[in-house]
Amino acid sequence: MRTAFLVLLCSGCLAFSQQPTDVSGWMARGEQALKSAHYGEAADAFQHAIDIDPSNVTAHQYLGAVFFASNSQNDLAANQNNCKMSTSHR
């Protein structure tokens, strides 16, 4: 019984530690981190989503929200400029 519990626990850890491979996975991870006020993790996740799809306006908006929530005004201004540039190339 105890061994089965440890196997399940370890398999759950492996699944959690895997990195998302698509925009929706990174967005979900970023949203969860933002809700938990883990701003560094949230910013990394949204940046990964932007790296995959630079025209993803929602990812840029969430990244701006992270910078606003964490009071990082320089990063917020840079993100606004990047969002304007990525949406103007549509």
PDB file of N, CA and C in Angstrom:
ATOM      1  N   MET A   1       0.828  -1.196   0.000  1.00  0.00           N
ATOM      2  CA  MET A   1       0.000   0.000   0.000  1.00  0.00           C
ATOM      3  C   MET A   1       0.873   1.261   0.000  1.00  0.00           C
ATOM      4  N   ARG A   2       1.854   1.269   0.862  1.00  0.00           N
ATOM      5  CA  ARG A   2       2.723   2.443   0.954  1.00  0.00           C
ATOM      6  C   ARG A   2       3.522   2.624  -0.331  1.00  0.00           C
ATOM      7  N   THR A   3       3.990   1.542  -0.938  1.00  0.00           N
ATOM      8  CA  THR A   3       4.749   1.620  -2.183  1.00  0.00           C
ATOM      9  C   THR A   3       3.888   2.176  -3.299  1.00  0.00           C
ATOM     10  N   ALA A   4       2.634   1.736  -3.372  1.00  0.00           N
ATOM     11  CA  ALA A   4       1.723   2.227  -4.414  1.00  0.00           C
ATOM     12  C   ALA A   4       1.510   3.730  -4.268  1.00  0.00           C
ATOM     13  N   PHE A   5       1.382   4.202  -3.033  1.00  0.00           N
ATOM     14  CA  PHE A   5       1.203   5.632  -2.799  1.00  0.00           C
ATOM     15  C   PHE A   5       2.427   6.418  -3.276  1.00  0.00           C
ATOM     16  N   LEU A   6       3.615   5.911  -2.956  1.00  0.00           N
ATOM     17  CA  LEU A   6       4.839   6.594  -3.373  1.00  0.00           C
ATOM     18  C   LEU A   6       4.983   6.608  -4.882  1.00  0.00           C
ATOM     19  N   VAL A   7       4.602   5.525  -5.548  1.00  0.00           N
ATOM     20  CA  VAL A   7       4.673   5.475  -7.005  1.00  0.00           C
ATOM     21  C   VAL A   7       3.728   6.507  -7.606  1.00  0.00           C
ATOM     22  N   LEU A   8       2.503   6.580  -7.093  1.00  0.00           N
ATOM     23  CA  LEU A   8       1.553   7.575  -7.577  1.00  0.00           C
ATOM     24  C   LEU A   8       2.046   8.991  -7.304  1.00  0.00           C
ATOM     25  N   LEU A   9       2.596   9.207  -6.141  1.00  0.00           N
ATOM     26  CA  LEU A   9       3.102  10.521  -5.786  1.00  0.00           C
ATOM     27  C   LEU A   9       4.239  10.923  -6.721  1.00  0.00           C
ATOM     28  N   CYS A  10       5.163  10.013  -6.968  1.00  0.00           N
ATOM     29  CA  CYS A  10       6.295  10.324  -7.840  1.00  0.00           C
ATOM     30  C   CYS A  10       5.855  10.528  -9.284  1.00  0.00           C
ATOM     31  N   SER A  11       4.903   9.739  -9.764  1.00  0.00           N
ATOM     32  CA  SER A  11       4.442   9.925 -11.133  1.00  0.00           C
ATOM     33  C   SER A  11       3.733  11.266 -11.279  1.00  0.00           C
ATOM     34  N   GLY A  12       3.056  11.716 -10.248  1.00  0.00           N
ATOM     35  CA  GLY A  12       2.434  13.034 -10.269  1.00  0.00           C
ATOM     36  C   GLY A  12       3.466  14.144 -10.314  1.00  0.00           C
ATOM     37  N   CYS A  13       4.570  13.966  -9.615  1.00  0.00           N
ATOM     38  CA  CYS A  13       5.653  14.958  -9.638  1.00  0.00           C
ATOM     39  C   CYS A  13       6.249  15.064 -11.027  1.00  0.00           C
ATOM     40  N   LEU A  14       6.422  13.949 -11.694  1.00  0.00           N
ATOM     41  CA  LEU A  14       6.986  13.974 -13.039  1.00  0.00           C
ATOM     42  C   LEU A  14       6.062  14.694 -14.004  1.00  0.00           C
ATOM     43  N   ALA A  15       4.774  14.448 -13.890  1.00  0.00           N
ATOM     44  CA  ALA A  15       3.815  15.101 -14.779  1.00  0.00           C
ATOM     45  C   ALA A  15       3.807  16.605 -14.538  1.00  0.00           C
ATOM     46  N   PHE A  16       3.914  17.025 -13.274  1.00  0.00           N
ATOM     47  CA  PHE A  16       3.887  18.448 -12.951  1.00  0.00           C
ATOM     48  C   PHE A  16       5.155  19.154 -13.417  1.00  0.00           C
ATOM     49  N   SER A  17       6.282  18.434 -13.404  1.00  0.00           N
ATOM     50  CA  SER A  17       7.546  19.074 -13.755  1.00  0.00           C
ATOM     51  C   SER A  17       7.746  19.196 -15.264  1.00  0.00           C
ATOM     52  N   GLN A  18       6.906  18.562 -16.062  1.00  0.00           N
ATOM     53  CA  GLN A  18       7.053  18.651 -17.506  1.00  0.00           C
ATOM     54  C   GLN A  18       6.709  20.056 -17.983  1.00  0.00           C
ATOM     55  N   GLN A  19       7.426  20.506 -18.991  1.00  0.00           N
ATOM     56  CA  GLN A  19       7.209  21.830 -19.542  1.00  0.00           C
ATOM     57  C   GLN A  19       6.127  21.790 -20.614  1.00  0.00           C
ATOM     58  N   PRO A  20       5.269  22.787 -20.660  1.00  0.00           N
ATOM     59  CA  PRO A  20       4.283  22.860 -21.751  1.00  0.00           C
ATOM     60  C   PRO A  20       4.995  22.996 -23.092  1.00  0.00           C
ATOM     61  N   THR A  21       4.351  22.514 -24.127  1.00  0.00           N
ATOM     62  CA  THR A  21       4.945  22.592 -25.464  1.00  0.00           C
ATOM     63  C   THR A  21       4.131  23.481 -26.396  1.00  0.00           C
ATOM     64  N   ASP A  22       3.033  24.039 -25.903  1.00  0.00           N
ATOM     65  CA  ASP A  22       2.199  24.875 -26.755  1.00  0.00           C
ATOM     66  C   ASP A  22       1.769  26.132 -26.009  1.00  0.00           C
ATOM     67  N   VAL A  23       1.233  27.061 -26.752  1.00  0.00           N
ATOM     68  CA  VAL A  23       0.833  28.345 -26.185  1.00  0.00           C
ATOM     69  C   VAL A  23      -0.198  28.167 -25.072  1.00  0.00           C
ATOM     70  N   SER A  24      -1.197  27.327 -25.294  1.00  0.00           N
ATOM     71  CA  SER A  24      -2.252  27.183 -24.279  1.00  0.00           C
ATOM     72  C   SER A  24      -1.704  26.631 -22.967  1.00  0.00           C
ATOM     73  N   GLY A  25      -0.719  25.742 -23.042  1.00  0.00           N
ATOM     74  CA  GLY A  25      -0.103  25.221 -21.823  1.00  0.00           C
ATOM     75  C   GLY A  25       0.655  26.291 -21.061  1.00  0.00           C
ATOM     76  N   TRP A  26       1.407  27.118 -21.791  1.00  0.00           N
ATOM     77  CA  TRP A  26       2.134  28.204 -21.145  1.00  0.00           C
ATOM     78  C   TRP A  26       1.173  29.248 -20.589  1.00  0.00           C
ATOM     79  N   MET A  27       0.082  29.516 -21.310  1.00  0.00           N
ATOM     80  CA  MET A  27      -0.901  30.485 -20.823  1.00  0.00           C
ATOM     81  C   MET A  27      -1.540  29.989 -19.522  1.00  0.00           C
ATOM     82  N   ALA A  28      -1.902  28.721 -19.486  1.00  0.00           N
ATOM     83  CA  ALA A  28      -2.516  28.158 -18.272  1.00  0.00           C
ATOM     84  C   ALA A  28      -1.547  28.231 -17.096  1.00  0.00           C
ATOM     85  N   ARG A  29      -0.288  27.909 -17.355  1.00  0.00           N
ATOM     86  CA  ARG A  29       0.713  27.966 -16.295  1.00  0.00           C
ATOM     87  C   ARG A  29       0.887  29.412 -15.816  1.00  0.00           C
ATOM     88  N   GLY A  30       0.921  30.354 -16.745  1.00  0.00           N
ATOM     89  CA  GLY A  30       1.076  31.758 -16.380  1.00  0.00           C
ATOM     90  C   GLY A  30      -0.104  32.292 -15.588  1.00  0.00           C
ATOM     91  N   GLU A  31      -1.307  31.921 -16.007  1.00  0.00           N
ATOM     92  CA  GLU A  31      -2.507  32.369 -15.295  1.00  0.00           C
ATOM     93  C   GLU A  31      -2.515  31.850 -13.861  1.00  0.00           C
ATOM     94  N   GLN A  32      -2.148  30.589 -13.684  1.00  0.00           N
ATOM     95  CA  GLN A  32      -2.124  30.011 -12.340  1.00  0.00           C
ATOM     96  C   GLN A  32      -1.077  30.713 -11.480  1.00  0.00           C
ATOM     97  N   ALA A  33       0.096  30.962 -12.051  1.00  0.00           N
ATOM     98  CA  ALA A  33       1.145  31.648 -11.291  1.00  0.00           C
ATOM     99  C   ALA A  33       0.734  33.071 -10.942  1.00  0.00           C
ATOM    100  N   LEU A  34       0.074  33.756 -11.877  1.00  0.00           N
ATOM    101  CA  LEU A  34      -0.384  35.120 -11.614  1.00  0.00           C
ATOM    102  C   LEU A  34      -1.416  35.141 -10.495  1.00  0.00           C
ATOM    103  N   LYS A  35      -2.349  34.193 -10.521  1.00  0.00           N
ATOM    104  CA  LYS A  35      -3.363  34.117  -9.461  1.00  0.00           C
ATOM    105  C   LYS A  35      -2.722  33.871  -8.099  1.00  0.00           C
ATOM    106  N   SER A  36      -1.589  33.164  -8.095  1.00  0.00           N
ATOM    107  CA  SER A  36      -0.886  32.853  -6.845  1.00  0.00           C
ATOM    108  C   SER A  36       0.135  33.923  -6.476  1.00  0.00           C
ATOM    109  N   ALA A  37       0.184  35.008  -7.248  1.00  0.00           N
ATOM    110  CA  ALA A  37       1.124  36.118  -7.036  1.00  0.00           C
ATOM    111  C   ALA A  37       2.574  35.677  -7.155  1.00  0.00           C
ATOM    112  N   HIS A  38       2.837  34.676  -7.981  1.00  0.00           N
ATOM    113  CA  HIS A  38       4.200  34.257  -8.303  1.00  0.00           C
ATOM    114  C   HIS A  38       4.574  34.945  -9.616  1.00  0.00           C
ATOM    115  N   TYR A  39       4.929  36.212  -9.496  1.00  0.00           N
ATOM    116  CA  TYR A  39       5.074  37.061 -10.671  1.00  0.00           C
ATOM    117  C   TYR A  39       6.227  36.642 -11.585  1.00  0.00           C
ATOM    118  N   GLY A  40       7.322  36.190 -11.029  1.00  0.00           N
ATOM    119  CA  GLY A  40       8.440  35.751 -11.851  1.00  0.00           C
ATOM    120  C   GLY A  40       8.074  34.549 -12.706  1.00  0.00           C
ATOM    121  N   GLU A  41       7.415  33.573 -12.086  1.00  0.00           N
ATOM    122  CA  GLU A  41       6.970  32.384 -12.818  1.00  0.00           C
ATOM    123  C   GLU A  41       5.940  32.757 -13.880  1.00  0.00           C
ATOM    124  N   ALA A  42       5.033  33.651 -13.524  1.00  0.00           N
ATOM    125  CA  ALA A  42       3.997  34.079 -14.463  1.00  0.00           C
ATOM    126  C   ALA A  42       4.623  34.787 -15.661  1.00  0.00           C
ATOM    127  N   ALA A  43       5.565  35.680 -15.404  1.00  0.00           N
ATOM    128  CA  ALA A  43       6.223  36.402 -16.492  1.00  0.00           C
ATOM    129  C   ALA A  43       6.965  35.434 -17.410  1.00  0.00           C
ATOM    130  N   ASP A  44       7.650  34.459 -16.832  1.00  0.00           N
ATOM    131  CA  ASP A  44       8.361  33.465 -17.649  1.00  0.00           C
ATOM    132  C   ASP A  44       7.395  32.679 -18.529  1.00  0.00           C
ATOM    133  N   ALA A  45       6.277  32.274 -17.950  1.00  0.00           N
ATOM    134  CA  ALA A  45       5.304  31.479 -18.710  1.00  0.00           C
ATOM    135  C   ALA A  45       4.706  32.288 -19.859  1.00  0.00           C
ATOM    136  N   PHE A  46       4.307  33.518 -19.580  1.00  0.00           N
ATOM    137  CA  PHE A  46       3.731  34.344 -20.642  1.00  0.00           C
ATOM    138  C   PHE A  46       4.775  34.686 -21.710  1.00  0.00           C
ATOM    139  N   GLN A  47       6.023  34.850 -21.287  1.00  0.00           N
ATOM    140  CA  GLN A  47       7.078  35.114 -22.264  1.00  0.00           C
ATOM    141  C   GLN A  47       7.297  33.903 -23.165  1.00  0.00           C
ATOM    142  N   HIS A  48       7.214  32.703 -22.610  1.00  0.00           N
ATOM    143  CA  HIS A  48       7.312  31.489 -23.430  1.00  0.00           C
ATOM    144  C   HIS A  48       6.181  31.454 -24.456  1.00  0.00           C
ATOM    145  N   ALA A  49       4.977  31.808 -24.026  1.00  0.00           N
ATOM    146  CA  ALA A  49       3.842  31.839 -24.951  1.00  0.00           C
ATOM    147  C   ALA A  49       4.090  32.854 -26.070  1.00  0.00           C
ATOM    148  N   ILE A  50       4.638  33.998 -25.725  1.00  0.00           N
ATOM    149  CA  ILE A  50       4.949  35.033 -26.719  1.00  0.00           C
ATOM    150  C   ILE A  50       6.054  34.571 -27.655  1.00  0.00           C
ATOM    151  N   ASP A  51       7.035  33.861 -27.121  1.00  0.00           N
ATOM    152  CA  ASP A  51       8.112  33.338 -27.964  1.00  0.00           C
ATOM    153  C   ASP A  51       7.572  32.372 -29.013  1.00  0.00           C
ATOM    154  N   ILE A  52       6.565  31.589 -28.640  1.00  0.00           N
ATOM    155  CA  ILE A  52       5.954  30.642 -29.574  1.00  0.00           C
ATOM    156  C   ILE A  52       5.079  31.373 -30.582  1.00  0.00           C
ATOM    157  N   ASP A  53       4.290  32.347 -30.092  1.00  0.00           N
ATOM    158  CA  ASP A  53       3.373  33.099 -30.952  1.00  0.00           C
ATOM    159  C   ASP A  53       3.456  34.584 -30.612  1.00  0.00           C
ATOM    160  N   PRO A  54       4.374  35.315 -31.258  1.00  0.00           N
ATOM    161  CA  PRO A  54       4.557  36.730 -30.942  1.00  0.00           C
ATOM    162  C   PRO A  54       3.318  37.600 -31.171  1.00  0.00           C
ATOM    163  N   SER A  55       2.368  37.134 -31.966  1.00  0.00           N
ATOM    164  CA  SER A  55       1.167  37.935 -32.218  1.00  0.00           C
ATOM    165  C   SER A  55       0.038  37.639 -31.230  1.00  0.00           C
ATOM    166  N   ASN A  56       0.308  36.846 -30.201  1.00  0.00           N
ATOM    167  CA  ASN A  56      -0.707  36.506 -29.207  1.00  0.00           C
ATOM    168  C   ASN A  56      -0.925  37.701 -28.274  1.00  0.00           C
ATOM    169  N   VAL A  57      -1.952  38.469 -28.571  1.00  0.00           N
ATOM    170  CA  VAL A  57      -2.239  39.691 -27.817  1.00  0.00           C
ATOM    171  C   VAL A  57      -2.569  39.377 -26.362  1.00  0.00           C
ATOM    172  N   THR A  58      -3.255  38.285 -26.125  1.00  0.00           N
ATOM    173  CA  THR A  58      -3.636  37.921 -24.757  1.00  0.00           C
ATOM    174  C   THR A  58      -2.396  37.666 -23.904  1.00  0.00           C
ATOM    175  N   ALA A  59      -1.399  36.995 -24.461  1.00  0.00           N
ATOM    176  CA  ALA A  59      -0.166  36.747 -23.722  1.00  0.00           C
ATOM    177  C   ALA A  59       0.523  38.062 -23.380  1.00  0.00           C
ATOM    178  N   HIS A  60       0.533  38.998 -24.332  1.00  0.00           N
ATOM    179  CA  HIS A  60       1.116  40.314 -24.068  1.00  0.00           C
ATOM    180  C   HIS A  60       0.331  41.045 -22.981  1.00  0.00           C
ATOM    181  N   GLN A  61      -0.992  40.944 -23.012  1.00  0.00           N
ATOM    182  CA  GLN A  61      -1.816  41.607 -21.995  1.00  0.00           C
ATOM    183  C   GLN A  61      -1.543  41.035 -20.610  1.00  0.00           C
ATOM    184  N   TYR A  62      -1.483  39.706 -20.532  1.00  0.00           N
ATOM    185  CA  TYR A  62      -1.196  39.086 -19.238  1.00  0.00           C
ATOM    186  C   TYR A  62       0.205  39.437 -18.754  1.00  0.00           C
ATOM    187  N   LEU A  63       1.176  39.479 -19.667  1.00  0.00           N
ATOM    188  CA  LEU A  63       2.532  39.854 -19.269  1.00  0.00           C
ATOM    189  C   LEU A  63       2.531  41.286 -18.742  1.00  0.00           C
ATOM    190  N   GLY A  64       1.789  42.168 -19.386  1.00  0.00           N
ATOM    191  CA  GLY A  64       1.659  43.531 -18.883  1.00  0.00           C
ATOM    192  C   GLY A  64       1.008  43.567 -17.504  1.00  0.00           C
ATOM    193  N   ALA A  65       0.010  42.700 -17.303  1.00  0.00           N
ATOM    194  CA  ALA A  65      -0.652  42.630 -15.994  1.00  0.00           C
ATOM    195  C   ALA A  65       0.326  42.169 -14.919  1.00  0.00           C
ATOM    196  N   VAL A  66       1.198  41.242 -15.270  1.00  0.00           N
ATOM    197  CA  VAL A  66       2.221  40.777 -14.319  1.00  0.00           C
ATOM    198  C   VAL A  66       3.140  41.932 -13.945  1.00  0.00           C
ATOM    199  N   PHE A  67       3.608  42.666 -14.957  1.00  0.00           N
ATOM    200  CA  PHE A  67       4.506  43.774 -14.683  1.00  0.00           C
ATOM    201  C   PHE A  67       3.809  44.855 -13.862  1.00  0.00           C
ATOM    202  N   PHE A  68       2.537  45.103 -14.153  1.00  0.00           N
ATOM    203  CA  PHE A  68       1.772  46.091 -13.391  1.00  0.00           C
ATOM    204  C   PHE A  68       1.607  45.632 -11.945  1.00  0.00           C
ATOM    205  N   ALA A  69       1.228  44.364 -11.768  1.00  0.00           N
ATOM    206  CA  ALA A  69       0.994  43.827 -10.421  1.00  0.00           C
ATOM    207  C   ALA A  69       2.282  43.803  -9.597  1.00  0.00           C
ATOM    208  N   SER A  70       3.393  43.564 -10.270  1.00  0.00           N
ATOM    209  CA  SER A  70       4.665  43.501  -9.547  1.00  0.00           C
ATOM    210  C   SER A  70       5.353  44.858  -9.479  1.00  0.00           C
ATOM    211  N   ASN A  71       4.670  45.891  -9.989  1.00  0.00           N
ATOM    212  CA  ASN A  71       5.156  47.270  -9.951  1.00  0.00           C
ATOM    213  C   ASN A  71       6.467  47.439 -10.709  1.00  0.00           C
ATOM    214  N   SER A  72       6.582  46.752 -11.838  1.00  0.00           N
ATOM    215  CA  SER A  72       7.776  46.848 -12.672  1.00  0.00           C
ATOM    216  C   SER A  72       7.468  47.736 -13.874  1.00  0.00           C
ATOM    217  N   GLN A  73       7.549  49.034 -13.676  1.00  0.00           N
ATOM    218  CA  GLN A  73       7.127  50.002 -14.685  1.00  0.00           C
ATOM    219  C   GLN A  73       7.987  49.963 -15.948  1.00  0.00           C
ATOM    220  N   ASN A  74       9.286  49.727 -15.820  1.00  0.00           N
ATOM    221  CA  ASN A  74      10.146  49.649 -17.005  1.00  0.00           C
ATOM    222  C   ASN A  74       9.748  48.472 -17.889  1.00  0.00           C
ATOM    223  N   ASP A  75       9.498  47.314 -17.264  1.00  0.00           N
ATOM    224  CA  ASP A  75       9.083  46.140 -18.028  1.00  0.00           C
ATOM    225  C   ASP A  75       7.703  46.358 -18.642  1.00  0.00           C
ATOM    226  N   LEU A  76       6.819  47.036 -17.931  1.00  0.00           N
ATOM    227  CA  LEU A  76       5.482  47.319 -18.440  1.00  0.00           C
ATOM    228  C   LEU A  76       5.561  48.170 -19.701  1.00  0.00           C
ATOM    229  N   ALA A  77       6.369  49.203 -19.693  1.00  0.00           N
ATOM    230  CA  ALA A  77       6.508  50.073 -20.867  1.00  0.00           C
ATOM    231  C   ALA A  77       7.098  49.313 -22.044  1.00  0.00           C
ATOM    232  N   ALA A  78       8.094  48.487 -21.797  1.00  0.00           N
ATOM    233  CA  ALA A  78       8.708  47.700 -22.868  1.00  0.00           C
ATOM    234  C   ALA A  78       7.698  46.721 -23.456  1.00  0.00           C
ATOM    235  N   ASN A  79       6.894  46.098 -22.612  1.00  0.00           N
ATOM    236  CA  ASN A  79       5.891  45.150 -23.086  1.00  0.00           C
ATOM    237  C   ASN A  79       4.841  45.851 -23.933  1.00  0.00           C
ATOM    238  N   GLN A  80       4.433  47.055 -23.560  1.00  0.00           N
ATOM    239  CA  GLN A  80       3.453  47.795 -24.343  1.00  0.00           C
ATOM    240  C   GLN A  80       3.997  48.095 -25.733  1.00  0.00           C
ATOM    241  N   ASN A  81       5.258  48.461 -25.821  1.00  0.00           N
ATOM    242  CA  ASN A  81       5.872  48.721 -27.125  1.00  0.00           C
ATOM    243  C   ASN A  81       5.952  47.450 -27.957  1.00  0.00           C
ATOM    244  N   ASN A  82       6.332  46.325 -27.352  1.00  0.00           N
ATOM    245  CA  ASN A  82       6.408  45.063 -28.068  1.00  0.00           C
ATOM    246  C   ASN A  82       5.042  44.620 -28.560  1.00  0.00           C
ATOM    247  N   CYS A  83       4.019  44.840 -27.734  1.00  0.00           N
ATOM    248  CA  CYS A  83       2.650  44.462 -28.136  1.00  0.00           C
ATOM    249  C   CYS A  83       2.194  45.290 -29.324  1.00  0.00           C
ATOM    250  N   LYS A  84       2.480  46.564 -29.327  1.00  0.00           N
ATOM    251  CA  LYS A  84       2.097  47.434 -30.448  1.00  0.00           C
ATOM    252  C   LYS A  84       2.788  46.982 -31.723  1.00  0.00           C
ATOM    253  N   MET A  85       4.079  46.622 -31.624  1.00  0.00           N
ATOM    254  CA  MET A  85       4.824  46.195 -32.806  1.00  0.00           C
ATOM    255  C   MET A  85       4.309  44.859 -33.329  1.00  0.00           C
ATOM    256  N   SER A  86       3.983  43.907 -32.447  1.00  0.00           N
ATOM    257  CA  SER A  86       3.551  42.595 -32.911  1.00  0.00           C
ATOM    258  C   SER A  86       2.161  42.628 -33.512  1.00  0.00           C
ATOM    259  N   THR A  87       1.299  43.521 -33.044  1.00  0.00           N
ATOM    260  CA  THR A  87      -0.053  43.595 -33.603  1.00  0.00           C
ATOM    261  C   THR A  87      -0.113  44.439 -34.869  1.00  0.00           C
ATOM    262  N   SER A  88       0.869  45.281 -35.097  1.00  0.00           N
ATOM    263  CA  SER A  88       0.851  46.118 -36.298  1.00  0.00           C
ATOM    264  C   SER A  88       1.313  45.356 -37.531  1.00  0.00           C
ATOM    265  N   HIS A  89       1.855  44.145 -37.363  1.00  0.00           N
ATOM    266  CA  HIS A  89       2.350  43.354 -38.491  1.00  0.00           C
ATOM    267  C   HIS A  89       1.340  42.313 -38.954  1.00  0.00           C
ATOM    268  N   ARG A  90       0.096  42.445 -38.571  1.00  0.00           N
ATOM    269  CA  ARG A  90      -0.927  41.457 -38.943  1.00  0.00           C
ATOM    270  C   ARG A  90      -1.385  41.660 -40.334  1.00  0.00           C
TER     271      ARG A  90
END
